[in-house]
Amino acid sequence: MTGSIQQLSDEQLIEQARNGNVRAFETLVKRYEQMVYGFSFKMCRNKEKADETLQDTFINVYKNLKQFNGKSKFSTWLYSIVTNNCLMNRRKRKMDREMMSLDEPPVEDGANHHESIPSWDDTPAEKMMNTELRSHLDNAIHQLPEEYRVVFVLRDIENLTAEETARILKLSVPAVKSRLRRARIFLREELNDYMVQ
């Protein structure tokens, strides 16, 4: 029985999960947790925040599964939930920081302080980049304004189409292309000094 539930399509698992089959929902989570975590980490740049976003995302999926209409791929719907959770968590943390007392020194966690981004899984860029260049690129991506970073990560790292990215972010395709172009220009300028050395 366990093998057979894992062979079901996303649509079949969603239908069963909507009807209360917990194992079907667990199978969906297992199928997509690596994708959700990887994207969360690329957006949040922090293991703890990515873990929190992963949890929030599947709680939202569980609560809203009946609202998934199947007009887009399940993964596209998931990306939009992850994106919203990343942005909401970031705004919440920003507000929390602003509410903190100015005379309280910030607490630094030495264990996670120098944590680096995980591998980008056999992309052509990954094969060509050495560690130093990857570090420069990672820092440059982190400096991108949020609305450009999410488009860059979806298009150039997750390899989604402009149409899928537009659906996820509720933007027009020309807006996605414009933001991606600006993100690439920004990154090119940030990396220019490094490249000409």
C-alpha atoms as a PDB file:
ATOM      1  CA  MET A   1       0.000   0.000   0.000  1.00  0.00           C
ATOM      2  CA  THR A   2       2.850   2.391   0.882  1.00  0.00           C
ATOM      3  CA  GLY A   3       4.453   1.901  -2.555  1.00  0.00           C
ATOM      4  CA  SER A   4       1.158   2.448  -4.346  1.00  0.00           C
ATOM      5  CA  ILE A   5       0.351   5.785  -2.651  1.00  0.00           C
ATOM      6  CA  GLN A   6       3.779   7.122  -3.627  1.00  0.00           C
ATOM      7  CA  GLN A   7       3.062   6.294  -7.274  1.00  0.00           C
ATOM      8  CA  LEU A   8      -0.067   8.445  -7.385  1.00  0.00           C
ATOM      9  CA  SER A   9      -0.012  11.698  -9.346  1.00  0.00           C
ATOM     10  CA  ASP A  10      -0.090  15.056  -7.568  1.00  0.00           C
ATOM     11  CA  GLU A  11      -3.732  15.451  -8.614  1.00  0.00           C
ATOM     12  CA  GLN A  12      -4.694  12.072  -7.106  1.00  0.00           C
ATOM     13  CA  LEU A  13      -2.812  12.817  -3.876  1.00  0.00           C
ATOM     14  CA  ILE A  14      -4.441  16.263  -3.613  1.00  0.00           C
ATOM     15  CA  GLU A  15      -7.899  14.745  -4.109  1.00  0.00           C
ATOM     16  CA  GLN A  16      -7.265  12.102  -1.429  1.00  0.00           C
ATOM     17  CA  ALA A  17      -5.753  14.678   0.961  1.00  0.00           C
ATOM     18  CA  ARG A  18      -8.822  16.897   0.494  1.00  0.00           C
ATOM     19  CA  ASN A  19     -10.945  13.919   1.540  1.00  0.00           C
ATOM     20  CA  GLY A  20      -8.972  13.523   4.772  1.00  0.00           C
ATOM     21  CA  ASN A  21      -6.280  11.004   3.763  1.00  0.00           C
ATOM     22  CA  VAL A  22      -3.354  12.065   5.978  1.00  0.00           C
ATOM     23  CA  ARG A  23      -0.915   9.674   4.246  1.00  0.00           C
ATOM     24  CA  ALA A  24      -1.686  11.281   0.889  1.00  0.00           C
ATOM     25  CA  PHE A  25      -0.828  14.707   2.343  1.00  0.00           C
ATOM     26  CA  GLU A  26       2.365  13.335   3.933  1.00  0.00           C
ATOM     27  CA  THR A  27       3.354  11.929   0.529  1.00  0.00           C
ATOM     28  CA  LEU A  28       2.858  15.375  -1.067  1.00  0.00           C
ATOM     29  CA  VAL A  29       5.017  16.939   1.655  1.00  0.00           C
ATOM     30  CA  LYS A  30       7.799  14.367   1.116  1.00  0.00           C
ATOM     31  CA  ARG A  31       7.601  14.899  -2.646  1.00  0.00           C
ATOM     32  CA  TYR A  32       8.049  18.680  -2.407  1.00  0.00           C
ATOM     33  CA  GLU A  33       9.868  19.430   0.856  1.00  0.00           C
ATOM     34  CA  GLN A  34      13.337  19.575  -0.771  1.00  0.00           C
ATOM     35  CA  MET A  35      12.113  21.997  -3.443  1.00  0.00           C
ATOM     36  CA  VAL A  36      10.378  24.200  -0.851  1.00  0.00           C
ATOM     37  CA  TYR A  37      13.358  24.167   1.522  1.00  0.00           C
ATOM     38  CA  GLY A  38      15.874  24.868  -1.265  1.00  0.00           C
ATOM     39  CA  PHE A  39      13.892  27.818  -2.574  1.00  0.00           C
ATOM     40  CA  SER A  40      13.280  29.118   0.977  1.00  0.00           C
ATOM     41  CA  PHE A  41      17.000  28.975   1.730  1.00  0.00           C
ATOM     42  CA  LYS A  42      17.902  30.820  -1.469  1.00  0.00           C
ATOM     43  CA  MET A  43      15.408  33.544  -0.569  1.00  0.00           C
ATOM     44  CA  CYS A  44      16.019  33.769   3.210  1.00  0.00           C
ATOM     45  CA  ARG A  45      19.766  32.994   3.253  1.00  0.00           C
ATOM     46  CA  ASN A  46      19.427  31.392   6.687  1.00  0.00           C
ATOM     47  CA  LYS A  47      18.810  27.778   7.742  1.00  0.00           C
ATOM     48  CA  GLU A  48      16.522  28.659  10.672  1.00  0.00           C
ATOM     49  CA  LYS A  49      14.392  31.015   8.552  1.00  0.00           C
ATOM     50  CA  ALA A  50      14.215  28.445   5.755  1.00  0.00           C
ATOM     51  CA  ASP A  51      13.069  25.778   8.253  1.00  0.00           C
ATOM     52  CA  GLU A  52      10.402  28.170   9.549  1.00  0.00           C
ATOM     53  CA  THR A  53       9.251  28.970   6.005  1.00  0.00           C
ATOM     54  CA  LEU A  54       9.120  25.256   5.133  1.00  0.00           C
ATOM     55  CA  GLN A  55       6.862  24.608   8.127  1.00  0.00           C
ATOM     56  CA  ASP A  56       4.654  27.658   7.448  1.00  0.00           C
ATOM     57  CA  THR A  57       4.306  26.694   3.797  1.00  0.00           C
ATOM     58  CA  PHE A  58       2.974  23.189   4.445  1.00  0.00           C
ATOM     59  CA  ILE A  59       0.662  24.468   7.198  1.00  0.00           C
ATOM     60  CA  ASN A  60      -0.750  26.916   4.619  1.00  0.00           C
ATOM     61  CA  VAL A  61      -1.003  24.158   2.005  1.00  0.00           C
ATOM     62  CA  TYR A  62      -2.893  21.937   4.455  1.00  0.00           C
ATOM     63  CA  LYS A  63      -5.318  24.733   5.389  1.00  0.00           C
ATOM     64  CA  ASN A  64      -5.875  25.890   1.791  1.00  0.00           C
ATOM     65  CA  LEU A  65      -5.707  22.674  -0.230  1.00  0.00           C
ATOM     66  CA  LYS A  66      -9.404  22.943  -1.076  1.00  0.00           C
ATOM     67  CA  GLN A  67      -8.670  26.311  -2.742  1.00  0.00           C
ATOM     68  CA  PHE A  68      -6.125  24.819  -5.181  1.00  0.00           C
ATOM     69  CA  ASN A  69      -8.046  24.810  -8.460  1.00  0.00           C
ATOM     70  CA  GLY A  70      -5.582  22.892 -10.646  1.00  0.00           C
ATOM     71  CA  LYS A  71      -5.356  25.657 -13.283  1.00  0.00           C
ATOM     72  CA  SER A  72      -1.600  25.816 -12.699  1.00  0.00           C
ATOM     73  CA  LYS A  73       0.830  23.097 -11.676  1.00  0.00           C
ATOM     74  CA  PHE A  74       0.862  22.220  -7.973  1.00  0.00           C
ATOM     75  CA  SER A  75       4.547  23.244  -7.832  1.00  0.00           C
ATOM     76  CA  THR A  76       3.650  26.708  -9.195  1.00  0.00           C
ATOM     77  CA  TRP A  77       1.037  27.121  -6.453  1.00  0.00           C
ATOM     78  CA  LEU A  78       3.619  25.962  -3.888  1.00  0.00           C
ATOM     79  CA  TYR A  79       6.202  28.500  -5.109  1.00  0.00           C
ATOM     80  CA  SER A  80       3.655  31.298  -4.660  1.00  0.00           C
ATOM     81  CA  ILE A  81       2.952  30.182  -1.060  1.00  0.00           C
ATOM     82  CA  VAL A  82       6.689  29.938  -0.266  1.00  0.00           C
ATOM     83  CA  THR A  83       7.284  33.387  -1.774  1.00  0.00           C
ATOM     84  CA  ASN A  84       4.476  34.911   0.291  1.00  0.00           C
ATOM     85  CA  ASN A  85       5.754  33.222   3.461  1.00  0.00           C
ATOM     86  CA  CYS A  86       9.333  34.432   2.844  1.00  0.00           C
ATOM     87  CA  LEU A  87       8.128  37.997   2.298  1.00  0.00           C
ATOM     88  CA  MET A  88       5.752  37.943   5.287  1.00  0.00           C
ATOM     89  CA  ASN A  89       8.397  36.473   7.608  1.00  0.00           C
ATOM     90  CA  ARG A  90      10.895  39.075   6.438  1.00  0.00           C
ATOM     91  CA  ARG A  91       8.435  41.922   7.137  1.00  0.00           C
ATOM     92  CA  LYS A  92       7.619  40.411  10.541  1.00  0.00           C
ATOM     93  CA  ARG A  93      11.325  40.166  11.453  1.00  0.00           C
ATOM     94  CA  LYS A  94      11.865  43.749  10.279  1.00  0.00           C
ATOM     95  CA  MET A  95       9.041  44.933  12.538  1.00  0.00           C
ATOM     96  CA  ASP A  96      10.399  42.871  15.445  1.00  0.00           C
ATOM     97  CA  ARG A  97      13.853  44.453  14.995  1.00  0.00           C
ATOM     98  CA  GLU A  98      12.319  47.921  14.962  1.00  0.00           C
ATOM     99  CA  MET A  99      10.431  47.139  18.178  1.00  0.00           C
ATOM    100  CA  MET A 100      13.573  45.938  19.980  1.00  0.00           C
ATOM    101  CA  SER A 101      15.010  48.229  22.587  1.00  0.00           C
ATOM    102  CA  LEU A 102      18.003  50.201  21.327  1.00  0.00           C
ATOM    103  CA  ASP A 103      20.005  49.537  24.483  1.00  0.00           C
ATOM    104  CA  GLU A 104      19.775  45.751  24.138  1.00  0.00           C
ATOM    105  CA  PRO A 105      22.874  44.385  22.407  1.00  0.00           C
ATOM    106  CA  PRO A 106      22.119  42.040  19.486  1.00  0.00           C
ATOM    107  CA  VAL A 107      22.661  38.343  20.181  1.00  0.00           C
ATOM    108  CA  GLU A 108      24.940  36.620  17.713  1.00  0.00           C
ATOM    109  CA  ASP A 109      24.859  32.900  17.150  1.00  0.00           C
ATOM    110  CA  GLY A 110      28.428  31.964  16.320  1.00  0.00           C
ATOM    111  CA  ALA A 111      27.436  28.563  14.914  1.00  0.00           C
ATOM    112  CA  ASN A 112      25.323  29.974  12.082  1.00  0.00           C
ATOM    113  CA  HIS A 113      27.215  33.228  11.557  1.00  0.00           C
ATOM    114  CA  HIS A 114      29.338  32.030   8.633  1.00  0.00           C
ATOM    115  CA  GLU A 115      26.862  29.609   7.120  1.00  0.00           C
ATOM    116  CA  SER A 116      27.076  29.537   3.333  1.00  0.00           C
ATOM    117  CA  ILE A 117      24.459  28.828   0.696  1.00  0.00           C
ATOM    118  CA  PRO A 118      24.156  25.161  -0.282  1.00  0.00           C
ATOM    119  CA  SER A 119      25.124  23.937  -3.709  1.00  0.00           C
ATOM    120  CA  TRP A 120      22.951  24.979  -6.659  1.00  0.00           C
ATOM    121  CA  ASP A 121      22.666  21.370  -7.881  1.00  0.00           C
ATOM    122  CA  ASP A 122      24.594  20.857 -11.089  1.00  0.00           C
ATOM    123  CA  THR A 123      23.575  24.030 -12.897  1.00  0.00           C
ATOM    124  CA  PRO A 124      26.050  25.065 -15.622  1.00  0.00           C
ATOM    125  CA  ALA A 125      26.968  28.049 -13.444  1.00  0.00           C
ATOM    126  CA  GLU A 126      27.757  25.715 -10.515  1.00  0.00           C
ATOM    127  CA  LYS A 127      30.183  23.680 -12.621  1.00  0.00           C
ATOM    128  CA  MET A 128      32.055  26.777 -13.802  1.00  0.00           C
ATOM    129  CA  MET A 129      32.210  28.773 -10.588  1.00  0.00           C
ATOM    130  CA  ASN A 130      34.964  28.434  -8.062  1.00  0.00           C
ATOM    131  CA  THR A 131      34.297  28.947  -4.370  1.00  0.00           C
ATOM    132  CA  GLU A 132      35.444  32.569  -4.312  1.00  0.00           C
ATOM    133  CA  LEU A 133      33.255  33.608  -7.249  1.00  0.00           C
ATOM    134  CA  ARG A 134      30.274  31.766  -5.752  1.00  0.00           C
ATOM    135  CA  SER A 135      30.800  33.664  -2.497  1.00  0.00           C
ATOM    136  CA  HIS A 136      30.870  36.994  -4.389  1.00  0.00           C
ATOM    137  CA  LEU A 137      27.745  36.017  -6.331  1.00  0.00           C
ATOM    138  CA  ASP A 138      25.951  34.896  -3.162  1.00  0.00           C
ATOM    139  CA  ASN A 139      26.707  38.253  -1.512  1.00  0.00           C
ATOM    140  CA  ALA A 140      25.549  40.138  -4.615  1.00  0.00           C
ATOM    141  CA  ILE A 141      22.268  38.161  -4.756  1.00  0.00           C
ATOM    142  CA  HIS A 142      21.715  38.935  -1.078  1.00  0.00           C
ATOM    143  CA  GLN A 143      22.071  42.667  -1.851  1.00  0.00           C
ATOM    144  CA  LEU A 144      19.424  42.555  -4.586  1.00  0.00           C
ATOM    145  CA  PRO A 145      16.195  44.341  -3.684  1.00  0.00           C
ATOM    146  CA  GLU A 146      13.650  41.721  -2.631  1.00  0.00           C
ATOM    147  CA  GLU A 147      11.375  42.126  -5.681  1.00  0.00           C
ATOM    148  CA  TYR A 148      14.333  41.516  -8.021  1.00  0.00           C
ATOM    149  CA  ARG A 149      15.852  38.710  -5.933  1.00  0.00           C
ATOM    150  CA  VAL A 150      12.677  36.603  -5.976  1.00  0.00           C
ATOM    151  CA  VAL A 151      12.431  36.907  -9.782  1.00  0.00           C
ATOM    152  CA  PHE A 152      16.146  36.098 -10.233  1.00  0.00           C
ATOM    153  CA  VAL A 153      15.930  33.022  -7.965  1.00  0.00           C
ATOM    154  CA  LEU A 154      12.769  31.700  -9.646  1.00  0.00           C
ATOM    155  CA  ARG A 155      14.025  32.271 -13.203  1.00  0.00           C
ATOM    156  CA  ASP A 156      17.809  31.766 -13.118  1.00  0.00           C
ATOM    157  CA  ILE A 157      18.244  29.369 -10.186  1.00  0.00           C
ATOM    158  CA  GLU A 158      14.977  27.414 -10.076  1.00  0.00           C
ATOM    159  CA  ASN A 159      14.744  27.562 -13.930  1.00  0.00           C
ATOM    160  CA  LEU A 160      11.043  28.419 -14.052  1.00  0.00           C
ATOM    161  CA  THR A 161       9.609  30.066 -17.157  1.00  0.00           C
ATOM    162  CA  ALA A 162       8.664  33.753 -17.276  1.00  0.00           C
ATOM    163  CA  GLU A 163       5.005  32.677 -17.426  1.00  0.00           C
ATOM    164  CA  GLU A 164       5.275  30.456 -14.316  1.00  0.00           C
ATOM    165  CA  THR A 165       7.139  33.207 -12.456  1.00  0.00           C
ATOM    166  CA  ALA A 166       4.471  35.744 -13.449  1.00  0.00           C
ATOM    167  CA  ARG A 167       1.710  33.439 -12.115  1.00  0.00           C
ATOM    168  CA  ILE A 168       3.547  32.852  -8.837  1.00  0.00           C
ATOM    169  CA  LEU A 169       4.205  36.550  -8.213  1.00  0.00           C
ATOM    170  CA  LYS A 170       0.922  37.794  -9.731  1.00  0.00           C
ATOM    171  CA  LEU A 171       2.830  39.986 -12.186  1.00  0.00           C
ATOM    172  CA  SER A 172       2.664  40.422 -15.934  1.00  0.00           C
ATOM    173  CA  VAL A 173       5.282  38.580 -18.032  1.00  0.00           C
ATOM    174  CA  PRO A 174       6.808  41.925 -19.179  1.00  0.00           C
ATOM    175  CA  ALA A 175       7.170  42.952 -15.494  1.00  0.00           C
ATOM    176  CA  VAL A 176       8.967  39.663 -14.745  1.00  0.00           C
ATOM    177  CA  LYS A 177      11.311  40.183 -17.716  1.00  0.00           C
ATOM    178  CA  SER A 178      11.992  43.767 -16.665  1.00  0.00           C
ATOM    179  CA  ARG A 179      12.813  42.791 -13.077  1.00  0.00           C
ATOM    180  CA  LEU A 180      15.009  39.908 -14.239  1.00  0.00           C
ATOM    181  CA  ARG A 181      16.889  42.245 -16.591  1.00  0.00           C
ATOM    182  CA  ARG A 182      17.459  44.729 -13.741  1.00  0.00           C
ATOM    183  CA  ALA A 183      18.583  41.947 -11.404  1.00  0.00           C
ATOM    184  CA  ARG A 184      21.096  40.671 -13.966  1.00  0.00           C
ATOM    185  CA  ILE A 185      22.424  44.200 -14.612  1.00  0.00           C
ATOM    186  CA  PHE A 186      22.811  44.762 -10.870  1.00  0.00           C
ATOM    187  CA  LEU A 187      24.650  41.435 -10.445  1.00  0.00           C
ATOM    188  CA  ARG A 188      26.873  42.112 -13.465  1.00  0.00           C
ATOM    189  CA  GLU A 189      27.852  45.486 -11.993  1.00  0.00           C
ATOM    190  CA  GLU A 190      28.454  43.977  -8.551  1.00  0.00           C
ATOM    191  CA  LEU A 191      30.657  41.237 -10.015  1.00  0.00           C
ATOM    192  CA  ASN A 192      32.392  43.409 -12.624  1.00  0.00           C
ATOM    193  CA  ASP A 193      35.372  44.334 -10.427  1.00  0.00           C
ATOM    194  CA  TYR A 194      35.877  40.703  -9.490  1.00  0.00           C
ATOM    195  CA  MET A 195      35.674  39.512 -13.105  1.00  0.00           C
ATOM    196  CA  VAL A 196      38.260  41.988 -14.449  1.00  0.00           C
ATOM    197  CA  GLN A 197      40.898  41.252 -11.778  1.00  0.00           C
END
